[in-house]
């Protein structure tokens, strides 16, 4: 629903219930609420060098977000 999230793709739910989603065309990875209707944070964007993110996951061993381009 967020106008800054264009072509949502690659959704991941962390063990703590956080919802992460890639914006394939908006060149972003965002955290959204559980319903997917509200953006909570933009984690990375085109300004960080992201190009066409298609997958995202959270590594619980080292507490890192991994993004596939």
PDB file of N, CA and C in Angstrom:
ATOM      1  N   UNK A   1       0.804  -1.204   0.000  1.00  0.00           N
ATOM      2  CA  UNK A   1       0.000   0.000   0.000  1.00  0.00           C
ATOM      3  C   UNK A   1       0.850   1.273   0.000  1.00  0.00           C
ATOM      4  N   UNK A   2       2.094   1.191   0.470  1.00  0.00           N
ATOM      5  CA  UNK A   2       2.949   2.369   0.514  1.00  0.00           C
ATOM      6  C   UNK A   2       3.349   2.762  -0.905  1.00  0.00           C
ATOM      7  N   UNK A   3       3.150   4.010  -1.296  1.00  0.00           N
ATOM      8  CA  UNK A   3       3.481   4.419  -2.667  1.00  0.00           C
ATOM      9  C   UNK A   3       4.972   4.341  -2.968  1.00  0.00           C
ATOM     10  N   UNK A   4       5.811   4.285  -1.947  1.00  0.00           N
ATOM     11  CA  UNK A   4       7.257   4.172  -2.168  1.00  0.00           C
ATOM     12  C   UNK A   4       7.699   2.730  -2.379  1.00  0.00           C
ATOM     13  N   UNK A   5       6.814   1.772  -2.184  1.00  0.00           N
ATOM     14  CA  UNK A   5       7.128   0.366  -2.412  1.00  0.00           C
ATOM     15  C   UNK A   5       6.555  -0.035  -3.766  1.00  0.00           C
ATOM     16  N   UNK A   6       7.435  -0.103  -4.758  1.00  0.00           N
ATOM     17  CA  UNK A   6       7.003  -0.396  -6.124  1.00  0.00           C
ATOM     18  C   UNK A   6       7.434  -1.814  -6.492  1.00  0.00           C
ATOM     19  N   UNK A   7       6.483  -2.610  -6.932  1.00  0.00           N
ATOM     20  CA  UNK A   7       6.667  -4.011  -7.317  1.00  0.00           C
ATOM     21  C   UNK A   7       7.237  -4.833  -6.159  1.00  0.00           C
ATOM     22  N   UNK A   8       6.437  -5.008  -5.084  1.00  0.00           N
ATOM     23  CA  UNK A   8       6.902  -5.793  -3.942  1.00  0.00           C
ATOM     24  C   UNK A   8       7.263  -7.221  -4.353  1.00  0.00           C
ATOM     25  N   UNK A   9       8.351  -7.713  -3.743  1.00  0.00           N
ATOM     26  CA  UNK A   9       8.883  -9.019  -4.118  1.00  0.00           C
ATOM     27  C   UNK A   9       9.716  -9.527  -2.951  1.00  0.00           C
ATOM     28  N   UNK A  10       9.914 -10.783  -2.815  1.00  0.00           N
ATOM     29  CA  UNK A  10      10.841 -11.330  -1.841  1.00  0.00           C
ATOM     30  C   UNK A  10      10.495 -11.028  -0.397  1.00  0.00           C
ATOM     31  N   UNK A  11       9.364 -11.490   0.066  1.00  0.00           N
ATOM     32  CA  UNK A  11       8.929 -11.242   1.447  1.00  0.00           C
ATOM     33  C   UNK A  11       9.558 -12.265   2.388  1.00  0.00           C
ATOM     34  N   UNK A  12       9.962 -11.793   3.582  1.00  0.00           N
ATOM     35  CA  UNK A  12      10.516 -12.667   4.611  1.00  0.00           C
ATOM     36  C   UNK A  12       9.982 -12.230   5.969  1.00  0.00           C
ATOM     37  N   UNK A  13       9.596 -13.194   6.794  1.00  0.00           N
ATOM     38  CA  UNK A  13       9.158 -12.912   8.164  1.00  0.00           C
ATOM     39  C   UNK A  13      10.229 -13.451   9.111  1.00  0.00           C
ATOM     40  N   UNK A  14      10.770 -12.574   9.944  1.00  0.00           N
ATOM     41  CA  UNK A  14      11.824 -12.969  10.880  1.00  0.00           C
ATOM     42  C   UNK A  14      11.218 -13.776  12.027  1.00  0.00           C
ATOM     43  N   UNK A  15      12.053 -14.483  12.796  1.00  0.00           N
ATOM     44  CA  UNK A  15      11.537 -15.237  13.939  1.00  0.00           C
ATOM     45  C   UNK A  15      10.780 -14.368  14.949  1.00  0.00           C
ATOM     46  N   UNK A  16      11.112 -13.086  15.020  1.00  0.00           N
ATOM     47  CA  UNK A  16      10.414 -12.205  15.963  1.00  0.00           C
ATOM     48  C   UNK A  16       9.145 -11.598  15.355  1.00  0.00           C
ATOM     49  N   UNK A  17       8.831 -11.954  14.095  1.00  0.00           N
ATOM     50  CA  UNK A  17       7.598 -11.486  13.468  1.00  0.00           C
ATOM     51  C   UNK A  17       7.730 -10.243  12.618  1.00  0.00           C
ATOM     52  N   UNK A  18       8.943  -9.728  12.439  1.00  0.00           N
ATOM     53  CA  UNK A  18       9.125  -8.575  11.561  1.00  0.00           C
ATOM     54  C   UNK A  18       8.960  -9.011  10.111  1.00  0.00           C
ATOM     55  N   UNK A  19       8.290  -8.184   9.320  1.00  0.00           N
ATOM     56  CA  UNK A  19       8.044  -8.493   7.915  1.00  0.00           C
ATOM     57  C   UNK A  19       8.949  -7.615   7.052  1.00  0.00           C
ATOM     58  N   UNK A  20       9.803  -8.255   6.263  1.00  0.00           N
ATOM     59  CA  UNK A  20      10.729  -7.560   5.374  1.00  0.00           C
ATOM     60  C   UNK A  20      10.288  -7.822   3.939  1.00  0.00           C
ATOM     61  N   UNK A  21      10.337  -6.801   3.107  1.00  0.00           N
ATOM     62  CA  UNK A  21       9.913  -6.964   1.716  1.00  0.00           C
ATOM     63  C   UNK A  21      10.815  -6.136   0.807  1.00  0.00           C
ATOM     64  N   UNK A  22      11.150  -6.723  -0.331  1.00  0.00           N
ATOM     65  CA  UNK A  22      11.941  -6.025  -1.345  1.00  0.00           C
ATOM     66  C   UNK A  22      11.004  -5.245  -2.255  1.00  0.00           C
ATOM     67  N   UNK A  23      11.437  -4.068  -2.639  1.00  0.00           N
ATOM     68  CA  UNK A  23      10.755  -3.298  -3.674  1.00  0.00           C
ATOM     69  C   UNK A  23      11.587  -3.415  -4.936  1.00  0.00           C
ATOM     70  N   UNK A  24      11.227  -4.338  -5.815  1.00  0.00           N
ATOM     71  CA  UNK A  24      12.035  -4.636  -6.995  1.00  0.00           C
ATOM     72  C   UNK A  24      12.280  -3.392  -7.844  1.00  0.00           C
ATOM     73  N   UNK A  25      11.234  -2.627  -8.110  1.00  0.00           N
ATOM     74  CA  UNK A  25      11.382  -1.434  -8.944  1.00  0.00           C
ATOM     75  C   UNK A  25      11.688  -0.170  -8.149  1.00  0.00           C
ATOM     76  N   UNK A  26      11.328  -0.153  -6.865  1.00  0.00           N
ATOM     77  CA  UNK A  26      11.653   1.029  -6.050  1.00  0.00           C
ATOM     78  C   UNK A  26      13.071   0.958  -5.496  1.00  0.00           C
ATOM     79  N   UNK A  27      13.748  -0.198  -5.699  1.00  0.00           N
ATOM     80  CA  UNK A  27      15.143  -0.382  -5.274  1.00  0.00           C
ATOM     81  C   UNK A  27      15.308  -0.185  -3.783  1.00  0.00           C
ATOM     82  N   UNK A  28      14.398  -0.811  -3.016  1.00  0.00           N
ATOM     83  CA  UNK A  28      14.410  -0.676  -1.570  1.00  0.00           C
ATOM     84  C   UNK A  28      14.174  -2.023  -0.890  1.00  0.00           C
ATOM     85  N   UNK A  29      14.535  -2.095   0.370  1.00  0.00           N
ATOM     86  CA  UNK A  29      14.104  -3.175   1.255  1.00  0.00           C
ATOM     87  C   UNK A  29      13.470  -2.478   2.450  1.00  0.00           C
ATOM     88  N   UNK A  30      12.227  -2.834   2.728  1.00  0.00           N
ATOM     89  CA  UNK A  30      11.466  -2.167   3.786  1.00  0.00           C
ATOM     90  C   UNK A  30      10.978  -3.156   4.824  1.00  0.00           C
ATOM     91  N   UNK A  31      10.746  -2.629   6.009  1.00  0.00           N
ATOM     92  CA  UNK A  31      10.037  -3.369   7.045  1.00  0.00           C
ATOM     93  C   UNK A  31       8.624  -2.823   7.048  1.00  0.00           C
ATOM     94  N   UNK A  32       7.648  -3.711   6.986  1.00  0.00           N
ATOM     95  CA  UNK A  32       6.246  -3.308   6.971  1.00  0.00           C
ATOM     96  C   UNK A  32       5.524  -3.964   8.139  1.00  0.00           C
ATOM     97  N   UNK A  33       4.320  -3.470   8.434  1.00  0.00           N
ATOM     98  CA  UNK A  33       3.545  -4.076   9.514  1.00  0.00           C
ATOM     99  C   UNK A  33       3.048  -5.459   9.076  1.00  0.00           C
ATOM    100  N   UNK A  34       2.493  -6.196  10.009  1.00  0.00           N
ATOM    101  CA  UNK A  34       2.078  -7.588   9.742  1.00  0.00           C
ATOM    102  C   UNK A  34       1.032  -7.719   8.641  1.00  0.00           C
ATOM    103  N   UNK A  35       0.234  -6.665   8.435  1.00  0.00           N
ATOM    104  CA  UNK A  35      -0.786  -6.685   7.391  1.00  0.00           C
ATOM    105  C   UNK A  35      -0.225  -6.238   6.040  1.00  0.00           C
ATOM    106  N   UNK A  36       0.979  -5.696   6.053  1.00  0.00           N
ATOM    107  CA  UNK A  36       1.589  -5.211   4.825  1.00  0.00           C
ATOM    108  C   UNK A  36       1.014  -3.894   4.350  1.00  0.00           C
ATOM    109  N   UNK A  37       0.313  -3.198   5.212  1.00  0.00           N
ATOM    110  CA  UNK A  37      -0.361  -1.971   4.795  1.00  0.00           C
ATOM    111  C   UNK A  37       0.375  -0.694   5.192  1.00  0.00           C
ATOM    112  N   UNK A  38       1.411  -0.812   6.039  1.00  0.00           N
ATOM    113  CA  UNK A  38       2.101   0.384   6.518  1.00  0.00           C
ATOM    114  C   UNK A  38       3.599   0.128   6.595  1.00  0.00           C
ATOM    115  N   UNK A  39       4.381   1.046   6.041  1.00  0.00           N
ATOM    116  CA  UNK A  39       5.836   0.963   6.119  1.00  0.00           C
ATOM    117  C   UNK A  39       6.287   1.391   7.503  1.00  0.00           C
ATOM    118  N   UNK A  40       7.128   0.579   8.130  1.00  0.00           N
ATOM    119  CA  UNK A  40       7.694   0.913   9.429  1.00  0.00           C
ATOM    120  C   UNK A  40       9.082   1.524   9.283  1.00  0.00           C
ATOM    121  N   UNK A  41       9.841   1.042   8.276  1.00  0.00           N
ATOM    122  CA  UNK A  41      11.192   1.562   8.056  1.00  0.00           C
ATOM    123  C   UNK A  41      11.677   1.166   6.673  1.00  0.00           C
ATOM    124  N   UNK A  42      12.503   2.029   6.095  1.00  0.00           N
ATOM    125  CA  UNK A  42      13.235   1.674   4.890  1.00  0.00           C
ATOM    126  C   UNK A  42      14.629   1.267   5.352  1.00  0.00           C
ATOM    127  N   UNK A  43      14.969   0.000   5.145  1.00  0.00           N
ATOM    128  CA  UNK A  43      16.235  -0.529   5.655  1.00  0.00           C
ATOM    129  C   UNK A  43      17.405  -0.198   4.742  1.00  0.00           C
ATOM    130  N   UNK A  44      17.209  -0.355   3.442  1.00  0.00           N
ATOM    131  CA  UNK A  44      18.225   0.013   2.455  1.00  0.00           C
ATOM    132  C   UNK A  44      17.519   0.514   1.210  1.00  0.00           C
ATOM    133  N   UNK A  45      18.243   1.311   0.437  1.00  0.00           N
ATOM    134  CA  UNK A  45      17.640   1.883  -0.762  1.00  0.00           C
ATOM    135  C   UNK A  45      18.685   2.021  -1.861  1.00  0.00           C
ATOM    136  N   UNK A  46      18.260   2.589  -2.970  1.00  0.00           N
ATOM    137  CA  UNK A  46      19.137   2.825  -4.103  1.00  0.00           C
ATOM    138  C   UNK A  46      20.344   3.664  -3.692  1.00  0.00           C
ATOM    139  N   UNK A  47      20.159   4.564  -2.744  1.00  0.00           N
ATOM    140  CA  UNK A  47      21.264   5.398  -2.253  1.00  0.00           C
ATOM    141  C   UNK A  47      22.371   4.572  -1.603  1.00  0.00           C
ATOM    142  N   UNK A  48      22.032   3.350  -1.150  1.00  0.00           N
ATOM    143  CA  UNK A  48      23.014   2.443  -0.549  1.00  0.00           C
ATOM    144  C   UNK A  48      23.645   1.517  -1.588  1.00  0.00           C
ATOM    145  N   UNK A  49      23.282   1.697  -2.847  1.00  0.00           N
ATOM    146  CA  UNK A  49      23.832   0.881  -3.919  1.00  0.00           C
ATOM    147  C   UNK A  49      23.002  -0.330  -4.291  1.00  0.00           C
ATOM    148  N   UNK A  50      21.776  -0.415  -3.813  1.00  0.00           N
ATOM    149  CA  UNK A  50      20.906  -1.552  -4.102  1.00  0.00           C
ATOM    150  C   UNK A  50      20.383  -1.452  -5.528  1.00  0.00           C
ATOM    151  N   UNK A  51      20.481  -2.549  -6.266  1.00  0.00           N
ATOM    152  CA  UNK A  51      19.964  -2.621  -7.626  1.00  0.00           C
ATOM    153  C   UNK A  51      19.045  -3.837  -7.750  1.00  0.00           C
ATOM    154  N   UNK A  52      17.781  -3.605  -7.952  1.00  0.00           N
ATOM    155  CA  UNK A  52      16.777  -4.658  -8.180  1.00  0.00           C
ATOM    156  C   UNK A  52      16.812  -5.781  -7.140  1.00  0.00           C
ATOM    157  N   UNK A  53      16.527  -5.470  -5.874  1.00  0.00           N
ATOM    158  CA  UNK A  53      16.500  -6.519  -4.852  1.00  0.00           C
ATOM    159  C   UNK A  53      15.342  -7.487  -5.098  1.00  0.00           C
ATOM    160  N   UNK A  54      15.634  -8.790  -5.068  1.00  0.00           N
ATOM    161  CA  UNK A  54      14.581  -9.780  -5.323  1.00  0.00           C
ATOM    162  C   UNK A  54      14.369 -10.751  -4.169  1.00  0.00           C
ATOM    163  N   UNK A  55      15.311 -10.802  -3.232  1.00  0.00           N
ATOM    164  CA  UNK A  55      15.127 -11.700  -2.095  1.00  0.00           C
ATOM    165  C   UNK A  55      15.750 -11.091  -0.855  1.00  0.00           C
ATOM    166  N   UNK A  56      15.164 -11.431   0.289  1.00  0.00           N
ATOM    167  CA  UNK A  56      15.661 -10.931   1.566  1.00  0.00           C
ATOM    168  C   UNK A  56      15.447 -12.004   2.625  1.00  0.00           C
ATOM    169  N   UNK A  57      16.417 -12.132   3.518  1.00  0.00           N
ATOM    170  CA  UNK A  57      16.240 -13.021   4.670  1.00  0.00           C
ATOM    171  C   UNK A  57      17.064 -12.490   5.829  1.00  0.00           C
ATOM    172  N   UNK A  58      16.753 -12.958   7.011  1.00  0.00           N
ATOM    173  CA  UNK A  58      17.436 -12.524   8.221  1.00  0.00           C
ATOM    174  C   UNK A  58      18.220 -13.704   8.772  1.00  0.00           C
ATOM    175  N   UNK A  59      19.513 -13.526   8.962  1.00  0.00           N
ATOM    176  CA  UNK A  59      20.380 -14.563   9.505  1.00  0.00           C
ATOM    177  C   UNK A  59      20.405 -14.418  11.033  1.00  0.00           C
ATOM    178  N   UNK A  60      19.808 -15.365  11.722  1.00  0.00           N
ATOM    179  CA  UNK A  60      19.717 -15.296  13.182  1.00  0.00           C
ATOM    180  C   UNK A  60      21.046 -15.610  13.862  1.00  0.00           C
ATOM    181  N   UNK A  61      21.991 -16.227  13.151  1.00  0.00           N
ATOM    182  CA  UNK A  61      23.295 -16.537  13.743  1.00  0.00           C
ATOM    183  C   UNK A  61      24.150 -15.293  13.958  1.00  0.00           C
ATOM    184  N   UNK A  62      24.105 -14.375  13.005  1.00  0.00           N
ATOM    185  CA  UNK A  62      24.945 -13.175  13.131  1.00  0.00           C
ATOM    186  C   UNK A  62      24.142 -11.874  13.049  1.00  0.00           C
ATOM    187  N   UNK A  63      22.814 -12.002  13.113  1.00  0.00           N
ATOM    188  CA  UNK A  63      21.911 -10.841  13.177  1.00  0.00           C
ATOM    189  C   UNK A  63      22.095  -9.902  11.987  1.00  0.00           C
ATOM    190  N   UNK A  64      22.166 -10.470  10.786  1.00  0.00           N
ATOM    191  CA  UNK A  64      22.322  -9.680   9.569  1.00  0.00           C
ATOM    192  C   UNK A  64      21.170  -9.922   8.617  1.00  0.00           C
ATOM    193  N   UNK A  65      20.838  -8.888   7.872  1.00  0.00           N
ATOM    194  CA  UNK A  65      19.861  -9.015   6.805  1.00  0.00           C
ATOM    195  C   UNK A  65      20.625  -9.264   5.510  1.00  0.00           C
ATOM    196  N   UNK A  66      20.252 -10.305   4.792  1.00  0.00           N
ATOM    197  CA  UNK A  66      20.899 -10.650   3.529  1.00  0.00           C
ATOM    198  C   UNK A  66      19.939 -10.307   2.398  1.00  0.00           C
ATOM    199  N   UNK A  67      20.446  -9.634   1.378  1.00  0.00           N
ATOM    200  CA  UNK A  67      19.624  -9.221   0.248  1.00  0.00           C
ATOM    201  C   UNK A  67      20.224  -9.786  -1.030  1.00  0.00           C
ATOM    202  N   UNK A  68      19.384 -10.481  -1.801  1.00  0.00           N
ATOM    203  CA  UNK A  68      19.803 -11.007  -3.096  1.00  0.00           C
ATOM    204  C   UNK A  68      19.410 -10.026  -4.192  1.00  0.00           C
ATOM    205  N   UNK A  69      20.358  -9.743  -5.088  1.00  0.00           N
ATOM    206  CA  UNK A  69      20.110  -8.795  -6.178  1.00  0.00           C
ATOM    207  C   UNK A  69      19.995  -9.545  -7.489  1.00  0.00           C
TER     208      UNK A  69
END
